[in-house]
Protein backbone atom coordinates (compact mmCIF):
# COMPACT_ATOMS: atom_id res chain seq x y z
CA MET A 1 -1.68 -56.65 21.61
CA ALA A 2 -3.09 -58.73 24.45
CA GLU A 3 -1.54 -56.33 26.98
CA GLU A 4 -3.10 -53.31 25.17
CA ASN A 5 -6.54 -54.96 25.30
CA LYS A 6 -6.07 -55.67 29.00
CA GLN A 7 -5.21 -52.02 29.68
CA ALA A 8 -8.13 -50.82 27.59
CA GLN A 9 -10.54 -53.01 29.56
CA GLN A 10 -9.18 -51.98 32.98
CA PRO A 11 -11.19 -48.75 33.42
CA GLN A 12 -14.40 -50.58 32.49
CA GLN A 13 -13.58 -53.35 34.95
CA ASP A 14 -12.91 -50.75 37.65
CA ILE A 15 -16.27 -49.09 36.98
CA GLY A 16 -17.96 -52.47 37.10
CA GLU A 17 -16.39 -53.15 40.49
CA LEU A 18 -17.48 -49.75 41.81
CA LEU A 19 -21.05 -50.33 40.64
CA LYS A 20 -21.01 -53.72 42.36
CA ILE A 21 -19.85 -52.13 45.62
CA ARG A 22 -22.70 -49.61 45.51
CA ARG A 23 -25.26 -52.37 45.12
CA GLU A 24 -23.66 -54.28 47.98
CA LYS A 25 -23.96 -51.16 50.16
CA LEU A 26 -27.65 -50.94 49.30
CA SER A 27 -28.18 -54.63 50.14
CA ALA A 28 -26.46 -54.15 53.48
CA LEU A 29 -28.67 -51.16 54.29
CA GLN A 30 -31.78 -53.10 53.40
CA GLU A 31 -30.72 -56.09 55.52
CA GLU A 32 -30.18 -53.72 58.47
CA GLY A 33 -33.68 -52.30 58.02
CA ASN A 34 -32.40 -48.98 56.63
CA ASP A 35 -33.72 -49.20 53.07
CA PRO A 36 -33.59 -45.59 51.77
CA PHE A 37 -36.22 -46.31 49.15
CA VAL A 38 -38.98 -46.80 51.73
CA ILE A 39 -38.69 -43.15 52.85
CA THR A 40 -41.62 -41.24 51.37
CA LYS A 41 -40.94 -37.62 52.41
CA TYR A 42 -38.46 -35.28 54.05
CA ASP A 43 -39.32 -32.02 55.79
CA ARG A 44 -37.02 -29.45 54.23
CA THR A 45 -37.11 -25.89 55.55
CA HIS A 46 -34.82 -24.09 53.09
CA HIS A 47 -32.96 -24.29 49.80
CA SER A 48 -29.22 -23.67 49.85
CA ALA A 49 -29.40 -20.23 48.23
CA GLU A 50 -31.98 -19.04 50.75
CA ILE A 51 -29.64 -19.88 53.62
CA LYS A 52 -26.76 -18.02 52.02
CA GLU A 53 -28.89 -15.01 51.11
CA ASN A 54 -30.37 -14.77 54.62
CA PHE A 55 -27.36 -15.77 56.70
CA GLU A 56 -27.64 -12.89 59.16
CA SER A 57 -31.15 -13.85 60.22
CA LEU A 58 -30.50 -17.62 60.10
CA GLU A 59 -27.11 -17.81 61.84
CA GLY A 60 -27.36 -20.16 64.83
CA LYS A 61 -30.82 -21.37 63.83
CA THR A 62 -31.71 -24.92 62.88
CA VAL A 63 -32.53 -25.61 59.25
CA SER A 64 -32.93 -28.69 57.11
CA VAL A 65 -31.87 -29.07 53.48
CA ALA A 66 -32.04 -31.93 51.01
CA GLY A 67 -30.17 -32.65 47.82
CA ARG A 68 -27.49 -34.63 46.06
CA MET A 69 -24.10 -35.07 47.73
CA MET A 70 -21.54 -33.80 45.22
CA SER A 71 -18.37 -34.03 47.33
CA LYS A 72 -17.15 -35.48 50.63
CA ARG A 73 -13.97 -34.99 52.67
CA ILE A 74 -13.39 -37.46 55.48
CA MET A 75 -11.07 -36.11 58.21
CA GLY A 76 -11.08 -38.50 61.13
CA LYS A 77 -13.81 -37.63 63.60
CA ALA A 78 -15.19 -34.77 61.54
CA SER A 79 -15.86 -34.38 57.82
CA PHE A 80 -17.29 -32.03 55.24
CA CYS A 81 -19.72 -32.69 52.41
CA ASN A 82 -21.41 -30.51 49.81
CA ILE A 83 -25.11 -30.76 49.03
CA GLN A 84 -26.57 -29.56 45.71
CA ASP A 85 -30.25 -28.67 45.36
CA LEU A 86 -32.36 -26.79 42.83
CA LYS A 87 -31.01 -23.37 43.75
CA GLY A 88 -27.32 -24.08 44.33
CA ASN A 89 -25.17 -25.88 46.87
CA ILE A 90 -24.12 -25.59 50.48
CA GLN A 91 -21.43 -27.14 52.65
CA SER A 92 -22.18 -29.23 55.72
CA TYR A 93 -19.85 -29.98 58.64
CA VAL A 94 -20.49 -33.54 59.86
CA ALA A 95 -18.91 -34.47 63.21
CA ARG A 96 -19.09 -37.85 64.96
CA ASP A 97 -19.77 -36.28 68.35
CA CYS A 98 -22.77 -34.38 66.98
CA ILE A 99 -24.58 -37.03 64.95
CA GLY A 100 -23.49 -40.15 66.87
CA GLU A 101 -20.93 -42.85 66.25
CA GLU A 102 -23.12 -45.24 64.27
CA GLU A 103 -24.55 -42.46 62.17
CA TYR A 104 -21.06 -41.18 61.44
CA LYS A 105 -19.95 -44.64 60.28
CA ALA A 106 -22.98 -44.71 57.99
CA PHE A 107 -22.12 -41.25 56.66
CA LYS A 108 -18.59 -42.35 55.77
CA LYS A 109 -20.05 -45.15 53.63
CA LEU A 110 -22.16 -42.76 51.57
CA ASP A 111 -21.26 -42.27 47.92
CA ILE A 112 -21.05 -39.18 45.72
CA GLY A 113 -24.45 -38.86 44.08
CA ASP A 114 -26.47 -40.11 47.05
CA ILE A 115 -29.45 -37.95 47.92
CA ILE A 116 -29.46 -36.95 51.58
CA GLY A 117 -31.24 -34.71 54.03
CA ILE A 118 -29.26 -32.70 56.58
CA LYS A 119 -30.58 -30.93 59.65
CA GLY A 120 -28.43 -28.61 61.72
CA GLU A 121 -27.40 -25.10 62.76
CA VAL A 122 -26.30 -22.45 60.30
CA PHE A 123 -22.78 -21.13 60.91
CA LYS A 124 -19.77 -19.74 59.12
CA THR A 125 -16.42 -21.59 59.01
CA LYS A 126 -13.06 -20.01 59.84
CA THR A 127 -12.55 -19.49 56.10
CA GLY A 128 -15.85 -17.61 55.89
CA GLU A 129 -17.96 -20.27 54.14
CA ILE A 130 -21.60 -20.41 55.16
CA SER A 131 -22.31 -23.98 56.24
CA ILE A 132 -24.63 -26.25 58.21
CA HIS A 133 -23.37 -27.96 61.39
CA ALA A 134 -25.17 -31.29 61.00
CA SER A 135 -27.08 -32.75 63.93
CA GLU A 136 -29.06 -35.26 61.84
CA LEU A 137 -28.29 -36.88 58.50
CA THR A 138 -30.77 -39.03 56.51
CA LEU A 139 -30.07 -41.08 53.39
CA LEU A 140 -33.09 -40.45 51.15
CA SER A 141 -32.05 -42.26 47.98
CA LYS A 142 -29.05 -44.43 47.08
CA SER A 143 -27.23 -43.65 43.84
CA LEU A 144 -26.29 -46.89 42.10
CA GLN A 145 -24.52 -45.19 39.19
CA ILE A 146 -21.36 -43.08 39.07
CA LEU A 147 -21.46 -39.42 38.14
CA PRO A 148 -18.95 -38.02 35.60
CA GLU A 149 -15.70 -36.70 37.06
CA LYS A 150 -16.51 -33.35 38.64
CA PHE A 151 -14.08 -31.03 36.92
CA HIS A 152 -14.57 -32.36 33.40
CA GLY A 153 -18.30 -33.03 33.52
CA ILE A 154 -19.90 -34.40 30.36
CA THR A 155 -17.58 -33.56 27.49
CA ASN A 156 -19.62 -35.55 24.94
CA THR A 157 -22.25 -33.06 23.71
CA ASP A 158 -24.37 -35.83 22.21
CA MET A 159 -24.60 -37.59 25.57
CA ARG A 160 -25.51 -34.32 27.30
CA TYR A 161 -28.67 -34.20 25.17
CA ARG A 162 -29.43 -37.93 25.48
CA GLN A 163 -28.93 -37.97 29.25
CA ARG A 164 -30.13 -34.51 30.20
CA TYR A 165 -30.62 -35.62 33.80
CA ILE A 166 -26.83 -36.01 34.17
CA ASP A 167 -26.27 -32.71 32.37
CA LEU A 168 -28.54 -30.95 34.88
CA ILE A 169 -26.70 -32.51 37.82
CA MET A 170 -23.22 -31.64 36.59
CA ASN A 171 -23.77 -28.25 34.91
CA GLN A 172 -25.45 -25.55 36.95
CA ASP A 173 -25.51 -23.13 33.98
CA VAL A 174 -27.61 -25.68 32.07
CA LYS A 175 -30.04 -25.89 34.96
CA GLN A 176 -30.27 -22.09 35.01
CA THR A 177 -31.09 -22.02 31.29
CA PHE A 178 -34.14 -24.19 31.91
CA VAL A 179 -35.14 -22.19 34.98
CA ASN A 180 -35.03 -19.10 32.75
CA ARG A 181 -37.03 -20.89 30.06
CA SER A 182 -39.81 -21.42 32.58
CA LYS A 183 -39.60 -17.78 33.66
CA ILE A 184 -39.80 -16.61 30.02
CA ILE A 185 -42.97 -18.60 29.37
CA SER A 186 -44.47 -17.40 32.66
CA ALA A 187 -43.67 -13.79 31.71
CA ILE A 188 -45.33 -14.24 28.31
CA ARG A 189 -48.47 -15.52 30.02
CA LYS A 190 -48.37 -12.71 32.58
CA TYR A 191 -48.11 -10.07 29.87
CA LEU A 192 -50.86 -11.48 27.67
CA ASP A 193 -53.18 -12.12 30.61
CA GLY A 194 -52.65 -8.49 31.60
CA GLN A 195 -53.69 -7.43 28.09
CA GLY A 196 -56.98 -9.29 28.37
CA PHE A 197 -56.04 -12.39 26.38
CA MET A 198 -57.49 -15.76 27.33
CA GLU A 199 -55.32 -18.88 27.20
CA VAL A 200 -56.98 -21.79 25.38
CA GLU A 201 -56.18 -25.31 24.21
CA THR A 202 -56.92 -26.73 20.75
CA PRO A 203 -56.48 -30.21 19.22
CA MET A 204 -53.09 -31.73 18.48
CA LEU A 205 -54.56 -34.62 16.46
CA VAL A 206 -56.29 -33.13 13.43
CA PRO A 207 -57.84 -34.36 10.17
CA ASN A 208 -56.28 -31.45 8.27
CA ALA A 209 -52.90 -30.04 9.34
CA GLY A 210 -52.99 -26.46 8.06
CA GLY A 211 -51.83 -23.00 9.03
CA ALA A 212 -48.18 -23.31 7.98
CA ALA A 213 -45.95 -24.48 5.15
CA ALA A 214 -44.65 -27.75 6.58
CA ARG A 215 -44.90 -31.50 6.09
CA PRO A 216 -46.98 -33.09 8.87
CA PHE A 217 -46.54 -36.35 10.73
CA GLU A 218 -49.32 -38.79 9.90
CA THR A 219 -50.82 -41.62 11.94
CA HIS A 220 -53.92 -43.79 12.07
CA PHE A 221 -56.69 -43.62 14.68
CA ASN A 222 -57.82 -47.22 15.13
CA ALA A 223 -61.07 -46.51 17.02
CA LEU A 224 -62.54 -44.53 14.13
CA ASP A 225 -60.43 -46.17 11.41
CA ILE A 226 -59.30 -42.82 10.05
CA ASP A 227 -55.96 -41.28 9.12
CA ILE A 228 -55.08 -38.22 11.16
CA LYS A 229 -52.15 -35.83 11.46
CA LEU A 230 -50.25 -34.09 14.21
CA ARG A 231 -50.79 -30.33 14.02
CA ILE A 232 -48.16 -28.15 12.35
CA SER A 233 -49.59 -24.91 13.69
CA LEU A 234 -52.30 -23.57 16.01
CA GLU A 235 -53.84 -21.13 13.56
CA LEU A 236 -57.02 -22.54 12.08
CA TYR A 237 -58.62 -23.64 15.36
CA LEU A 238 -57.76 -20.38 17.11
CA LYS A 239 -59.41 -18.46 14.24
CA ARG A 240 -62.52 -20.60 14.71
CA LEU A 241 -62.62 -19.27 18.28
CA ILE A 242 -62.48 -15.69 16.97
CA VAL A 243 -65.47 -16.55 14.76
CA GLY A 244 -67.18 -17.83 17.91
CA GLY A 245 -66.77 -14.46 19.61
CA MET A 246 -63.64 -15.04 21.70
CA GLU A 247 -61.95 -11.72 20.90
CA LYS A 248 -58.44 -12.27 22.34
CA VAL A 249 -57.04 -15.81 22.54
CA TYR A 250 -53.63 -17.40 22.75
CA GLU A 251 -52.18 -20.87 23.04
CA ILE A 252 -48.71 -22.08 23.99
CA GLY A 253 -48.22 -25.64 22.87
CA ARG A 254 -46.24 -28.24 20.98
CA VAL A 255 -46.47 -28.48 17.20
CA PHE A 256 -44.93 -31.15 15.00
CA ARG A 257 -43.22 -30.81 11.63
CA ASN A 258 -41.76 -33.72 9.71
CA GLU A 259 -38.56 -31.98 8.72
CA GLY A 260 -34.83 -32.07 9.37
CA LEU A 261 -32.75 -31.41 12.47
CA ASP A 262 -30.31 -28.53 12.84
CA THR A 263 -29.30 -25.87 15.37
CA ARG A 264 -32.67 -24.09 15.02
CA HIS A 265 -35.05 -26.93 14.13
CA ASN A 266 -36.49 -29.85 16.08
CA PRO A 267 -39.44 -31.89 14.75
CA GLU A 268 -41.48 -31.02 17.84
CA PHE A 269 -41.20 -27.53 19.25
CA THR A 270 -43.13 -24.97 21.26
CA LEU A 271 -45.20 -22.39 19.43
CA MET A 272 -47.24 -19.55 20.82
CA GLU A 273 -49.99 -18.13 18.64
CA LEU A 274 -52.42 -15.37 19.50
CA TYR A 275 -55.34 -13.77 17.70
CA GLN A 276 -57.01 -10.46 18.43
CA ALA A 277 -60.25 -9.26 16.86
CA TYR A 278 -60.56 -5.74 15.47
CA THR A 279 -56.86 -5.12 14.88
CA ASP A 280 -54.36 -5.75 12.08
CA TYR A 281 -50.69 -6.52 11.54
CA HIS A 282 -49.69 -3.08 12.76
CA GLY A 283 -51.33 -3.92 16.09
CA MET A 284 -49.38 -7.18 16.09
CA MET A 285 -46.11 -5.26 15.59
CA ASP A 286 -46.86 -3.06 18.58
CA LEU A 287 -47.74 -6.12 20.67
CA THR A 288 -44.52 -7.88 19.64
CA GLU A 289 -42.32 -4.92 20.61
CA ASN A 290 -44.02 -4.54 23.97
CA LEU A 291 -44.01 -8.28 24.70
CA TYR A 292 -40.31 -8.77 23.93
CA ARG A 293 -39.32 -5.75 26.03
CA TYR A 294 -41.50 -6.89 28.92
CA VAL A 295 -40.17 -10.46 28.93
CA ALA A 296 -36.52 -9.38 28.71
CA GLN A 297 -36.92 -6.85 31.52
CA GLU A 298 -38.90 -9.30 33.67
CA VAL A 299 -36.51 -12.25 33.28
CA LEU A 300 -33.11 -10.62 32.66
CA GLY A 301 -33.59 -7.21 34.23
CA THR A 302 -32.54 -5.42 31.02
CA THR A 303 -33.75 -4.81 27.48
CA LYS A 304 -30.21 -5.20 26.12
CA ILE A 305 -29.33 -8.81 25.40
CA THR A 306 -26.12 -10.38 24.15
CA TYR A 307 -26.11 -13.42 21.91
CA ASN A 308 -22.87 -14.98 20.75
CA GLY A 309 -21.07 -11.75 21.65
CA ILE A 310 -23.47 -9.52 19.70
CA GLU A 311 -25.58 -6.98 21.60
CA MET A 312 -29.20 -6.49 20.56
CA ASP A 313 -31.25 -3.65 21.97
CA LEU A 314 -34.92 -4.36 22.57
CA GLY A 315 -35.38 -0.94 24.14
CA LYS A 316 -35.12 0.96 20.84
CA PRO A 317 -38.01 1.10 18.33
CA PHE A 318 -37.83 -1.98 16.10
CA GLU A 319 -36.92 -1.31 12.48
CA ARG A 320 -39.66 -1.79 9.87
CA ILE A 321 -38.76 -2.55 6.25
CA THR A 322 -40.72 -4.04 3.37
CA MET A 323 -39.50 -7.30 1.83
CA LEU A 324 -39.08 -5.42 -1.47
CA ASP A 325 -36.84 -2.80 0.15
CA ALA A 326 -34.85 -5.42 2.08
CA VAL A 327 -34.11 -7.34 -1.12
CA LYS A 328 -33.18 -4.14 -2.93
CA LYS A 329 -30.93 -3.04 -0.04
CA TYR A 330 -28.99 -6.28 0.27
CA SER A 331 -29.05 -7.70 -3.27
CA GLY A 332 -29.31 -4.58 -5.41
CA VAL A 333 -32.32 -6.04 -7.26
CA ASP A 334 -35.48 -3.91 -7.36
CA PHE A 335 -38.46 -6.23 -7.81
CA ASN A 336 -40.67 -3.17 -8.38
CA GLU A 337 -39.01 -3.07 -11.81
CA ILE A 338 -39.65 -6.77 -12.45
CA HIS A 339 -43.12 -7.26 -13.93
CA THR A 340 -43.21 -10.78 -15.32
CA LEU A 341 -42.31 -14.28 -14.25
CA GLU A 342 -39.80 -14.48 -17.10
CA GLU A 343 -38.01 -11.38 -15.81
CA ALA A 344 -37.96 -12.82 -12.28
CA ARG A 345 -36.48 -16.10 -13.53
CA ALA A 346 -33.85 -14.26 -15.55
CA VAL A 347 -32.68 -12.17 -12.58
CA ALA A 348 -32.65 -15.31 -10.40
CA LYS A 349 -30.34 -17.06 -12.87
CA GLU A 350 -28.16 -13.97 -13.04
CA HIS A 351 -27.75 -13.99 -9.23
CA HIS A 352 -27.46 -17.77 -8.93
CA VAL A 353 -30.70 -18.10 -6.95
CA GLU A 354 -32.15 -21.56 -7.49
CA TYR A 355 -35.91 -21.83 -8.02
CA GLU A 356 -38.38 -24.56 -8.99
CA GLU A 357 -40.59 -24.66 -12.09
CA ARG A 358 -43.71 -24.10 -9.95
CA HIS A 359 -42.34 -20.90 -8.40
CA GLN A 360 -44.01 -17.61 -9.30
CA LYS A 361 -42.58 -14.08 -9.16
CA GLY A 362 -43.46 -13.71 -5.47
CA ASP A 363 -41.79 -17.02 -4.62
CA ILE A 364 -38.61 -15.84 -6.32
CA LEU A 365 -38.73 -12.55 -4.40
CA SER A 366 -38.93 -14.59 -1.19
CA LEU A 367 -35.96 -16.72 -2.29
CA PHE A 368 -33.93 -13.54 -2.89
CA PHE A 369 -34.86 -12.34 0.60
CA GLU A 370 -33.70 -15.60 2.15
CA GLU A 371 -30.48 -15.63 0.13
CA PHE A 372 -29.38 -12.01 0.50
CA ALA A 373 -31.25 -10.23 3.33
CA GLU A 374 -31.98 -12.53 6.29
CA GLU A 375 -28.43 -12.81 7.61
CA HIS A 376 -28.15 -9.02 7.93
CA LEU A 377 -31.21 -8.60 10.16
CA ILE A 378 -29.41 -8.71 13.50
CA GLN A 379 -31.19 -5.97 15.43
CA PRO A 380 -34.96 -6.35 16.00
CA THR A 381 -36.58 -5.87 12.58
CA PHE A 382 -40.06 -6.28 11.12
CA VAL A 383 -39.98 -7.35 7.46
CA ILE A 384 -43.42 -6.37 6.16
CA ASP A 385 -45.62 -6.79 3.08
CA HIS A 386 -44.87 -10.24 1.68
CA PRO A 387 -45.88 -11.53 -1.77
CA ILE A 388 -49.29 -13.21 -1.93
CA GLU A 389 -47.83 -16.45 -3.35
CA ILE A 390 -46.24 -17.36 -0.01
CA SER A 391 -49.10 -16.13 2.21
CA PRO A 392 -52.27 -18.18 1.67
CA LEU A 393 -54.03 -17.09 4.88
CA THR A 394 -53.33 -13.35 4.78
CA LYS A 395 -55.29 -10.24 3.73
CA LYS A 396 -54.21 -8.55 0.52
CA LYS A 397 -52.94 -4.98 0.62
CA PRO A 398 -55.88 -3.01 -0.83
CA GLU A 399 -53.60 -0.72 -2.82
CA ASN A 400 -51.39 -3.55 -4.14
CA PRO A 401 -53.10 -6.98 -4.22
CA ASP A 402 -49.89 -8.77 -5.28
CA TYR A 403 -48.75 -8.31 -1.67
CA VAL A 404 -50.31 -9.02 1.71
CA GLU A 405 -50.43 -7.45 5.17
CA ARG A 406 -47.89 -9.77 6.74
CA PHE A 407 -44.66 -9.39 8.66
CA GLU A 408 -41.91 -11.64 9.91
CA PHE A 409 -39.96 -10.52 12.94
CA PHE A 410 -36.19 -11.03 12.77
CA MET A 411 -33.35 -10.95 15.28
CA ASN A 412 -29.84 -12.32 14.91
CA GLY A 413 -30.68 -13.18 11.29
CA TRP A 414 -33.42 -15.56 12.50
CA GLU A 415 -37.14 -15.48 11.92
CA MET A 416 -38.62 -15.09 15.41
CA ALA A 417 -42.31 -14.53 14.63
CA ASN A 418 -44.77 -14.48 11.75
CA ALA A 419 -47.91 -12.31 11.73
CA TYR A 420 -50.81 -11.28 9.50
CA SER A 421 -53.81 -9.19 9.07
CA GLU A 422 -55.87 -12.36 8.90
CA LEU A 423 -57.79 -13.20 5.72
CA ASN A 424 -61.47 -13.20 6.66
CA ASP A 425 -62.97 -13.30 3.13
CA PRO A 426 -64.21 -16.90 2.70
CA ILE A 427 -64.44 -16.63 -1.09
CA ASP A 428 -60.86 -15.41 -1.39
CA GLN A 429 -59.74 -18.03 1.14
CA ARG A 430 -61.28 -20.83 -0.94
CA GLU A 431 -59.37 -19.61 -4.01
CA ARG A 432 -56.14 -19.52 -2.00
CA PHE A 433 -56.75 -23.10 -0.85
CA LYS A 434 -57.31 -24.12 -4.49
CA ALA A 435 -53.95 -22.60 -5.40
CA GLN A 436 -52.35 -24.53 -2.54
CA GLU A 437 -53.97 -27.77 -3.74
CA ALA A 438 -52.48 -27.15 -7.18
CA LEU A 439 -49.03 -26.78 -5.61
CA LEU A 440 -49.58 -30.00 -3.66
CA ALA A 441 -50.39 -31.77 -6.93
CA GLN A 442 -47.13 -30.44 -8.37
CA GLY A 443 -45.14 -32.04 -5.56
CA ASP A 444 -45.03 -29.33 -2.88
CA GLU A 445 -45.37 -31.47 0.28
CA GLU A 446 -45.60 -28.34 2.45
CA ALA A 447 -48.65 -26.88 0.70
CA ASN A 448 -51.96 -26.50 2.57
CA THR A 449 -55.09 -28.48 1.75
CA THR A 450 -58.65 -27.19 1.72
CA ASP A 451 -60.27 -27.17 5.15
CA GLU A 452 -64.03 -27.12 4.54
CA ASP A 453 -64.98 -26.71 8.19
CA PHE A 454 -62.69 -23.70 8.50
CA LEU A 455 -64.22 -22.20 5.35
CA TYR A 456 -67.71 -22.74 6.80
CA ALA A 457 -66.60 -20.90 9.95
CA LEU A 458 -65.35 -17.98 7.85
CA GLU A 459 -68.67 -17.91 5.97
CA LEU A 460 -70.42 -17.30 9.29
CA GLY A 461 -68.27 -14.16 9.56
CA MET A 462 -64.94 -13.43 11.21
CA PRO A 463 -64.17 -9.86 12.30
CA PRO A 464 -61.02 -8.08 11.11
CA THR A 465 -58.29 -9.85 13.08
CA GLY A 466 -54.59 -9.68 13.72
CA GLY A 467 -52.68 -12.85 14.48
CA ILE A 468 -49.11 -13.86 15.23
CA GLY A 469 -47.04 -16.97 15.89
CA PHE A 470 -43.92 -16.90 18.07
CA GLY A 471 -41.24 -19.57 18.15
CA ILE A 472 -40.77 -19.96 21.89
CA ASP A 473 -37.61 -22.06 21.61
CA ARG A 474 -35.77 -19.48 19.50
CA MET A 475 -36.85 -16.74 21.88
CA VAL A 476 -35.40 -18.75 24.77
CA MET A 477 -32.20 -19.36 22.78
CA LEU A 478 -31.67 -15.61 22.34
CA LEU A 479 -32.55 -14.64 25.89
CA THR A 480 -30.30 -17.35 27.40
CA ASP A 481 -27.43 -17.07 24.88
CA SER A 482 -27.82 -20.75 23.94
CA PRO A 483 -26.12 -21.84 20.69
CA ALA A 484 -28.61 -24.52 19.58
CA ILE A 485 -32.27 -25.39 19.99
CA ARG A 486 -31.20 -28.63 21.68
CA ASP A 487 -29.74 -26.52 24.49
CA VAL A 488 -33.20 -25.19 25.40
CA LEU A 489 -35.19 -28.43 25.02
CA PHE A 490 -34.98 -30.81 27.95
CA PHE A 491 -35.18 -33.85 25.69
CA PRO A 492 -34.50 -32.99 22.03
CA THR A 493 -35.12 -35.50 19.26
CA MET A 494 -31.98 -37.61 18.70
CA LYS A 495 -30.89 -40.17 16.17
CA PRO A 496 -31.06 -43.66 17.76
CA LEU A 497 -27.69 -44.92 18.95
CA ASP A 498 -28.18 -48.18 17.09
């Protein structure tokens, strides 16, 4: 047993010795007056990819690159190393006769993970690899930790999320996912700005967290001695701006919901909401189609995307189906033939759909949709005309006031967006808030509470308005073929290790 413990401890002891050696190297550099941490800048002329893409014009010319050394091959008087930067990696040929004897000795002492700058001429090796023939080499930062073994990387998924900085170093496809995330958000802004929308910012700390069915995070503001919440949506403040005469507004920002973690949910996530005066939910459908096509074409160069092996075509007109028809199609139950709450409860029991005592007929219709229809909505689909019970901020359909002018946009069986013809009747809105307060009293922690200031704004008059909320993270997941929301958040929420 003692021998087994000794063997088990050996790798850790070896790592400890290696870490000690790195610190000793740093101390030696500092004693020699070569402390890398005093260097404040480095004049880089190119990224690695730019050199490779423009080799014909750069061959024989002097360039300088900077990045992390990911490999090193010492071969007597000449060596090779590989430098990784934001856009890729490039090989460098380091020869003693070119950089000097002392500099070459210093180069040989460098460790994998050190950040260095290399200046030299661009050339191509006998094997055809575009490289830099180093004439100067500068240590810019000393790595005191040891990177994971190159060919296995980080195999522990949990640690990839906890230590994203290592994940980004070791996995170039991960880095590209986040580069594409930035491009997606930039493309959204570019499209909306081109349509005359104005980007705005609204409060994150709010006295009343409304606009969605979700449990908020709560905190206390000491300076004013008041309890406040983190916002769960962007809706109510953006609508106030429509009241104020701002006709097209959008915001991209973090919202916070005190709910569970899974592959599609994180307690803080990025939401984009926009509101446009003088249009309705049909206008929001058109905008959604055009926006998704534009972003896919701009970032991916195609309107056909593949997620988990399934192709989805954003170039075709998106399907539009009512919630009633979707439930009838996939469950066989026609809620047009169900007229009372008792009938709805009976059909729910018959189909093993669980409901709560507080649920009304419209709530049960929504539960049927979630149970039987959602998973089938793979291609881009608008599910329109939701029951009023689940839509407290939405205009009623004039010809059928049990339903509202609302749609949810689905792809891959996921809800990707939620949109309304916005309720602008302050009297009706007050009654809807009262109904939500009643649900809250019955134990529904996700129900809205009455927002008197918002009602006052509506009483001043809000024009007919269309509004929509997009889940940015899910959009990025689909467009980057990422299996979980944690794969598109730099630093997802994690359970503490202890």
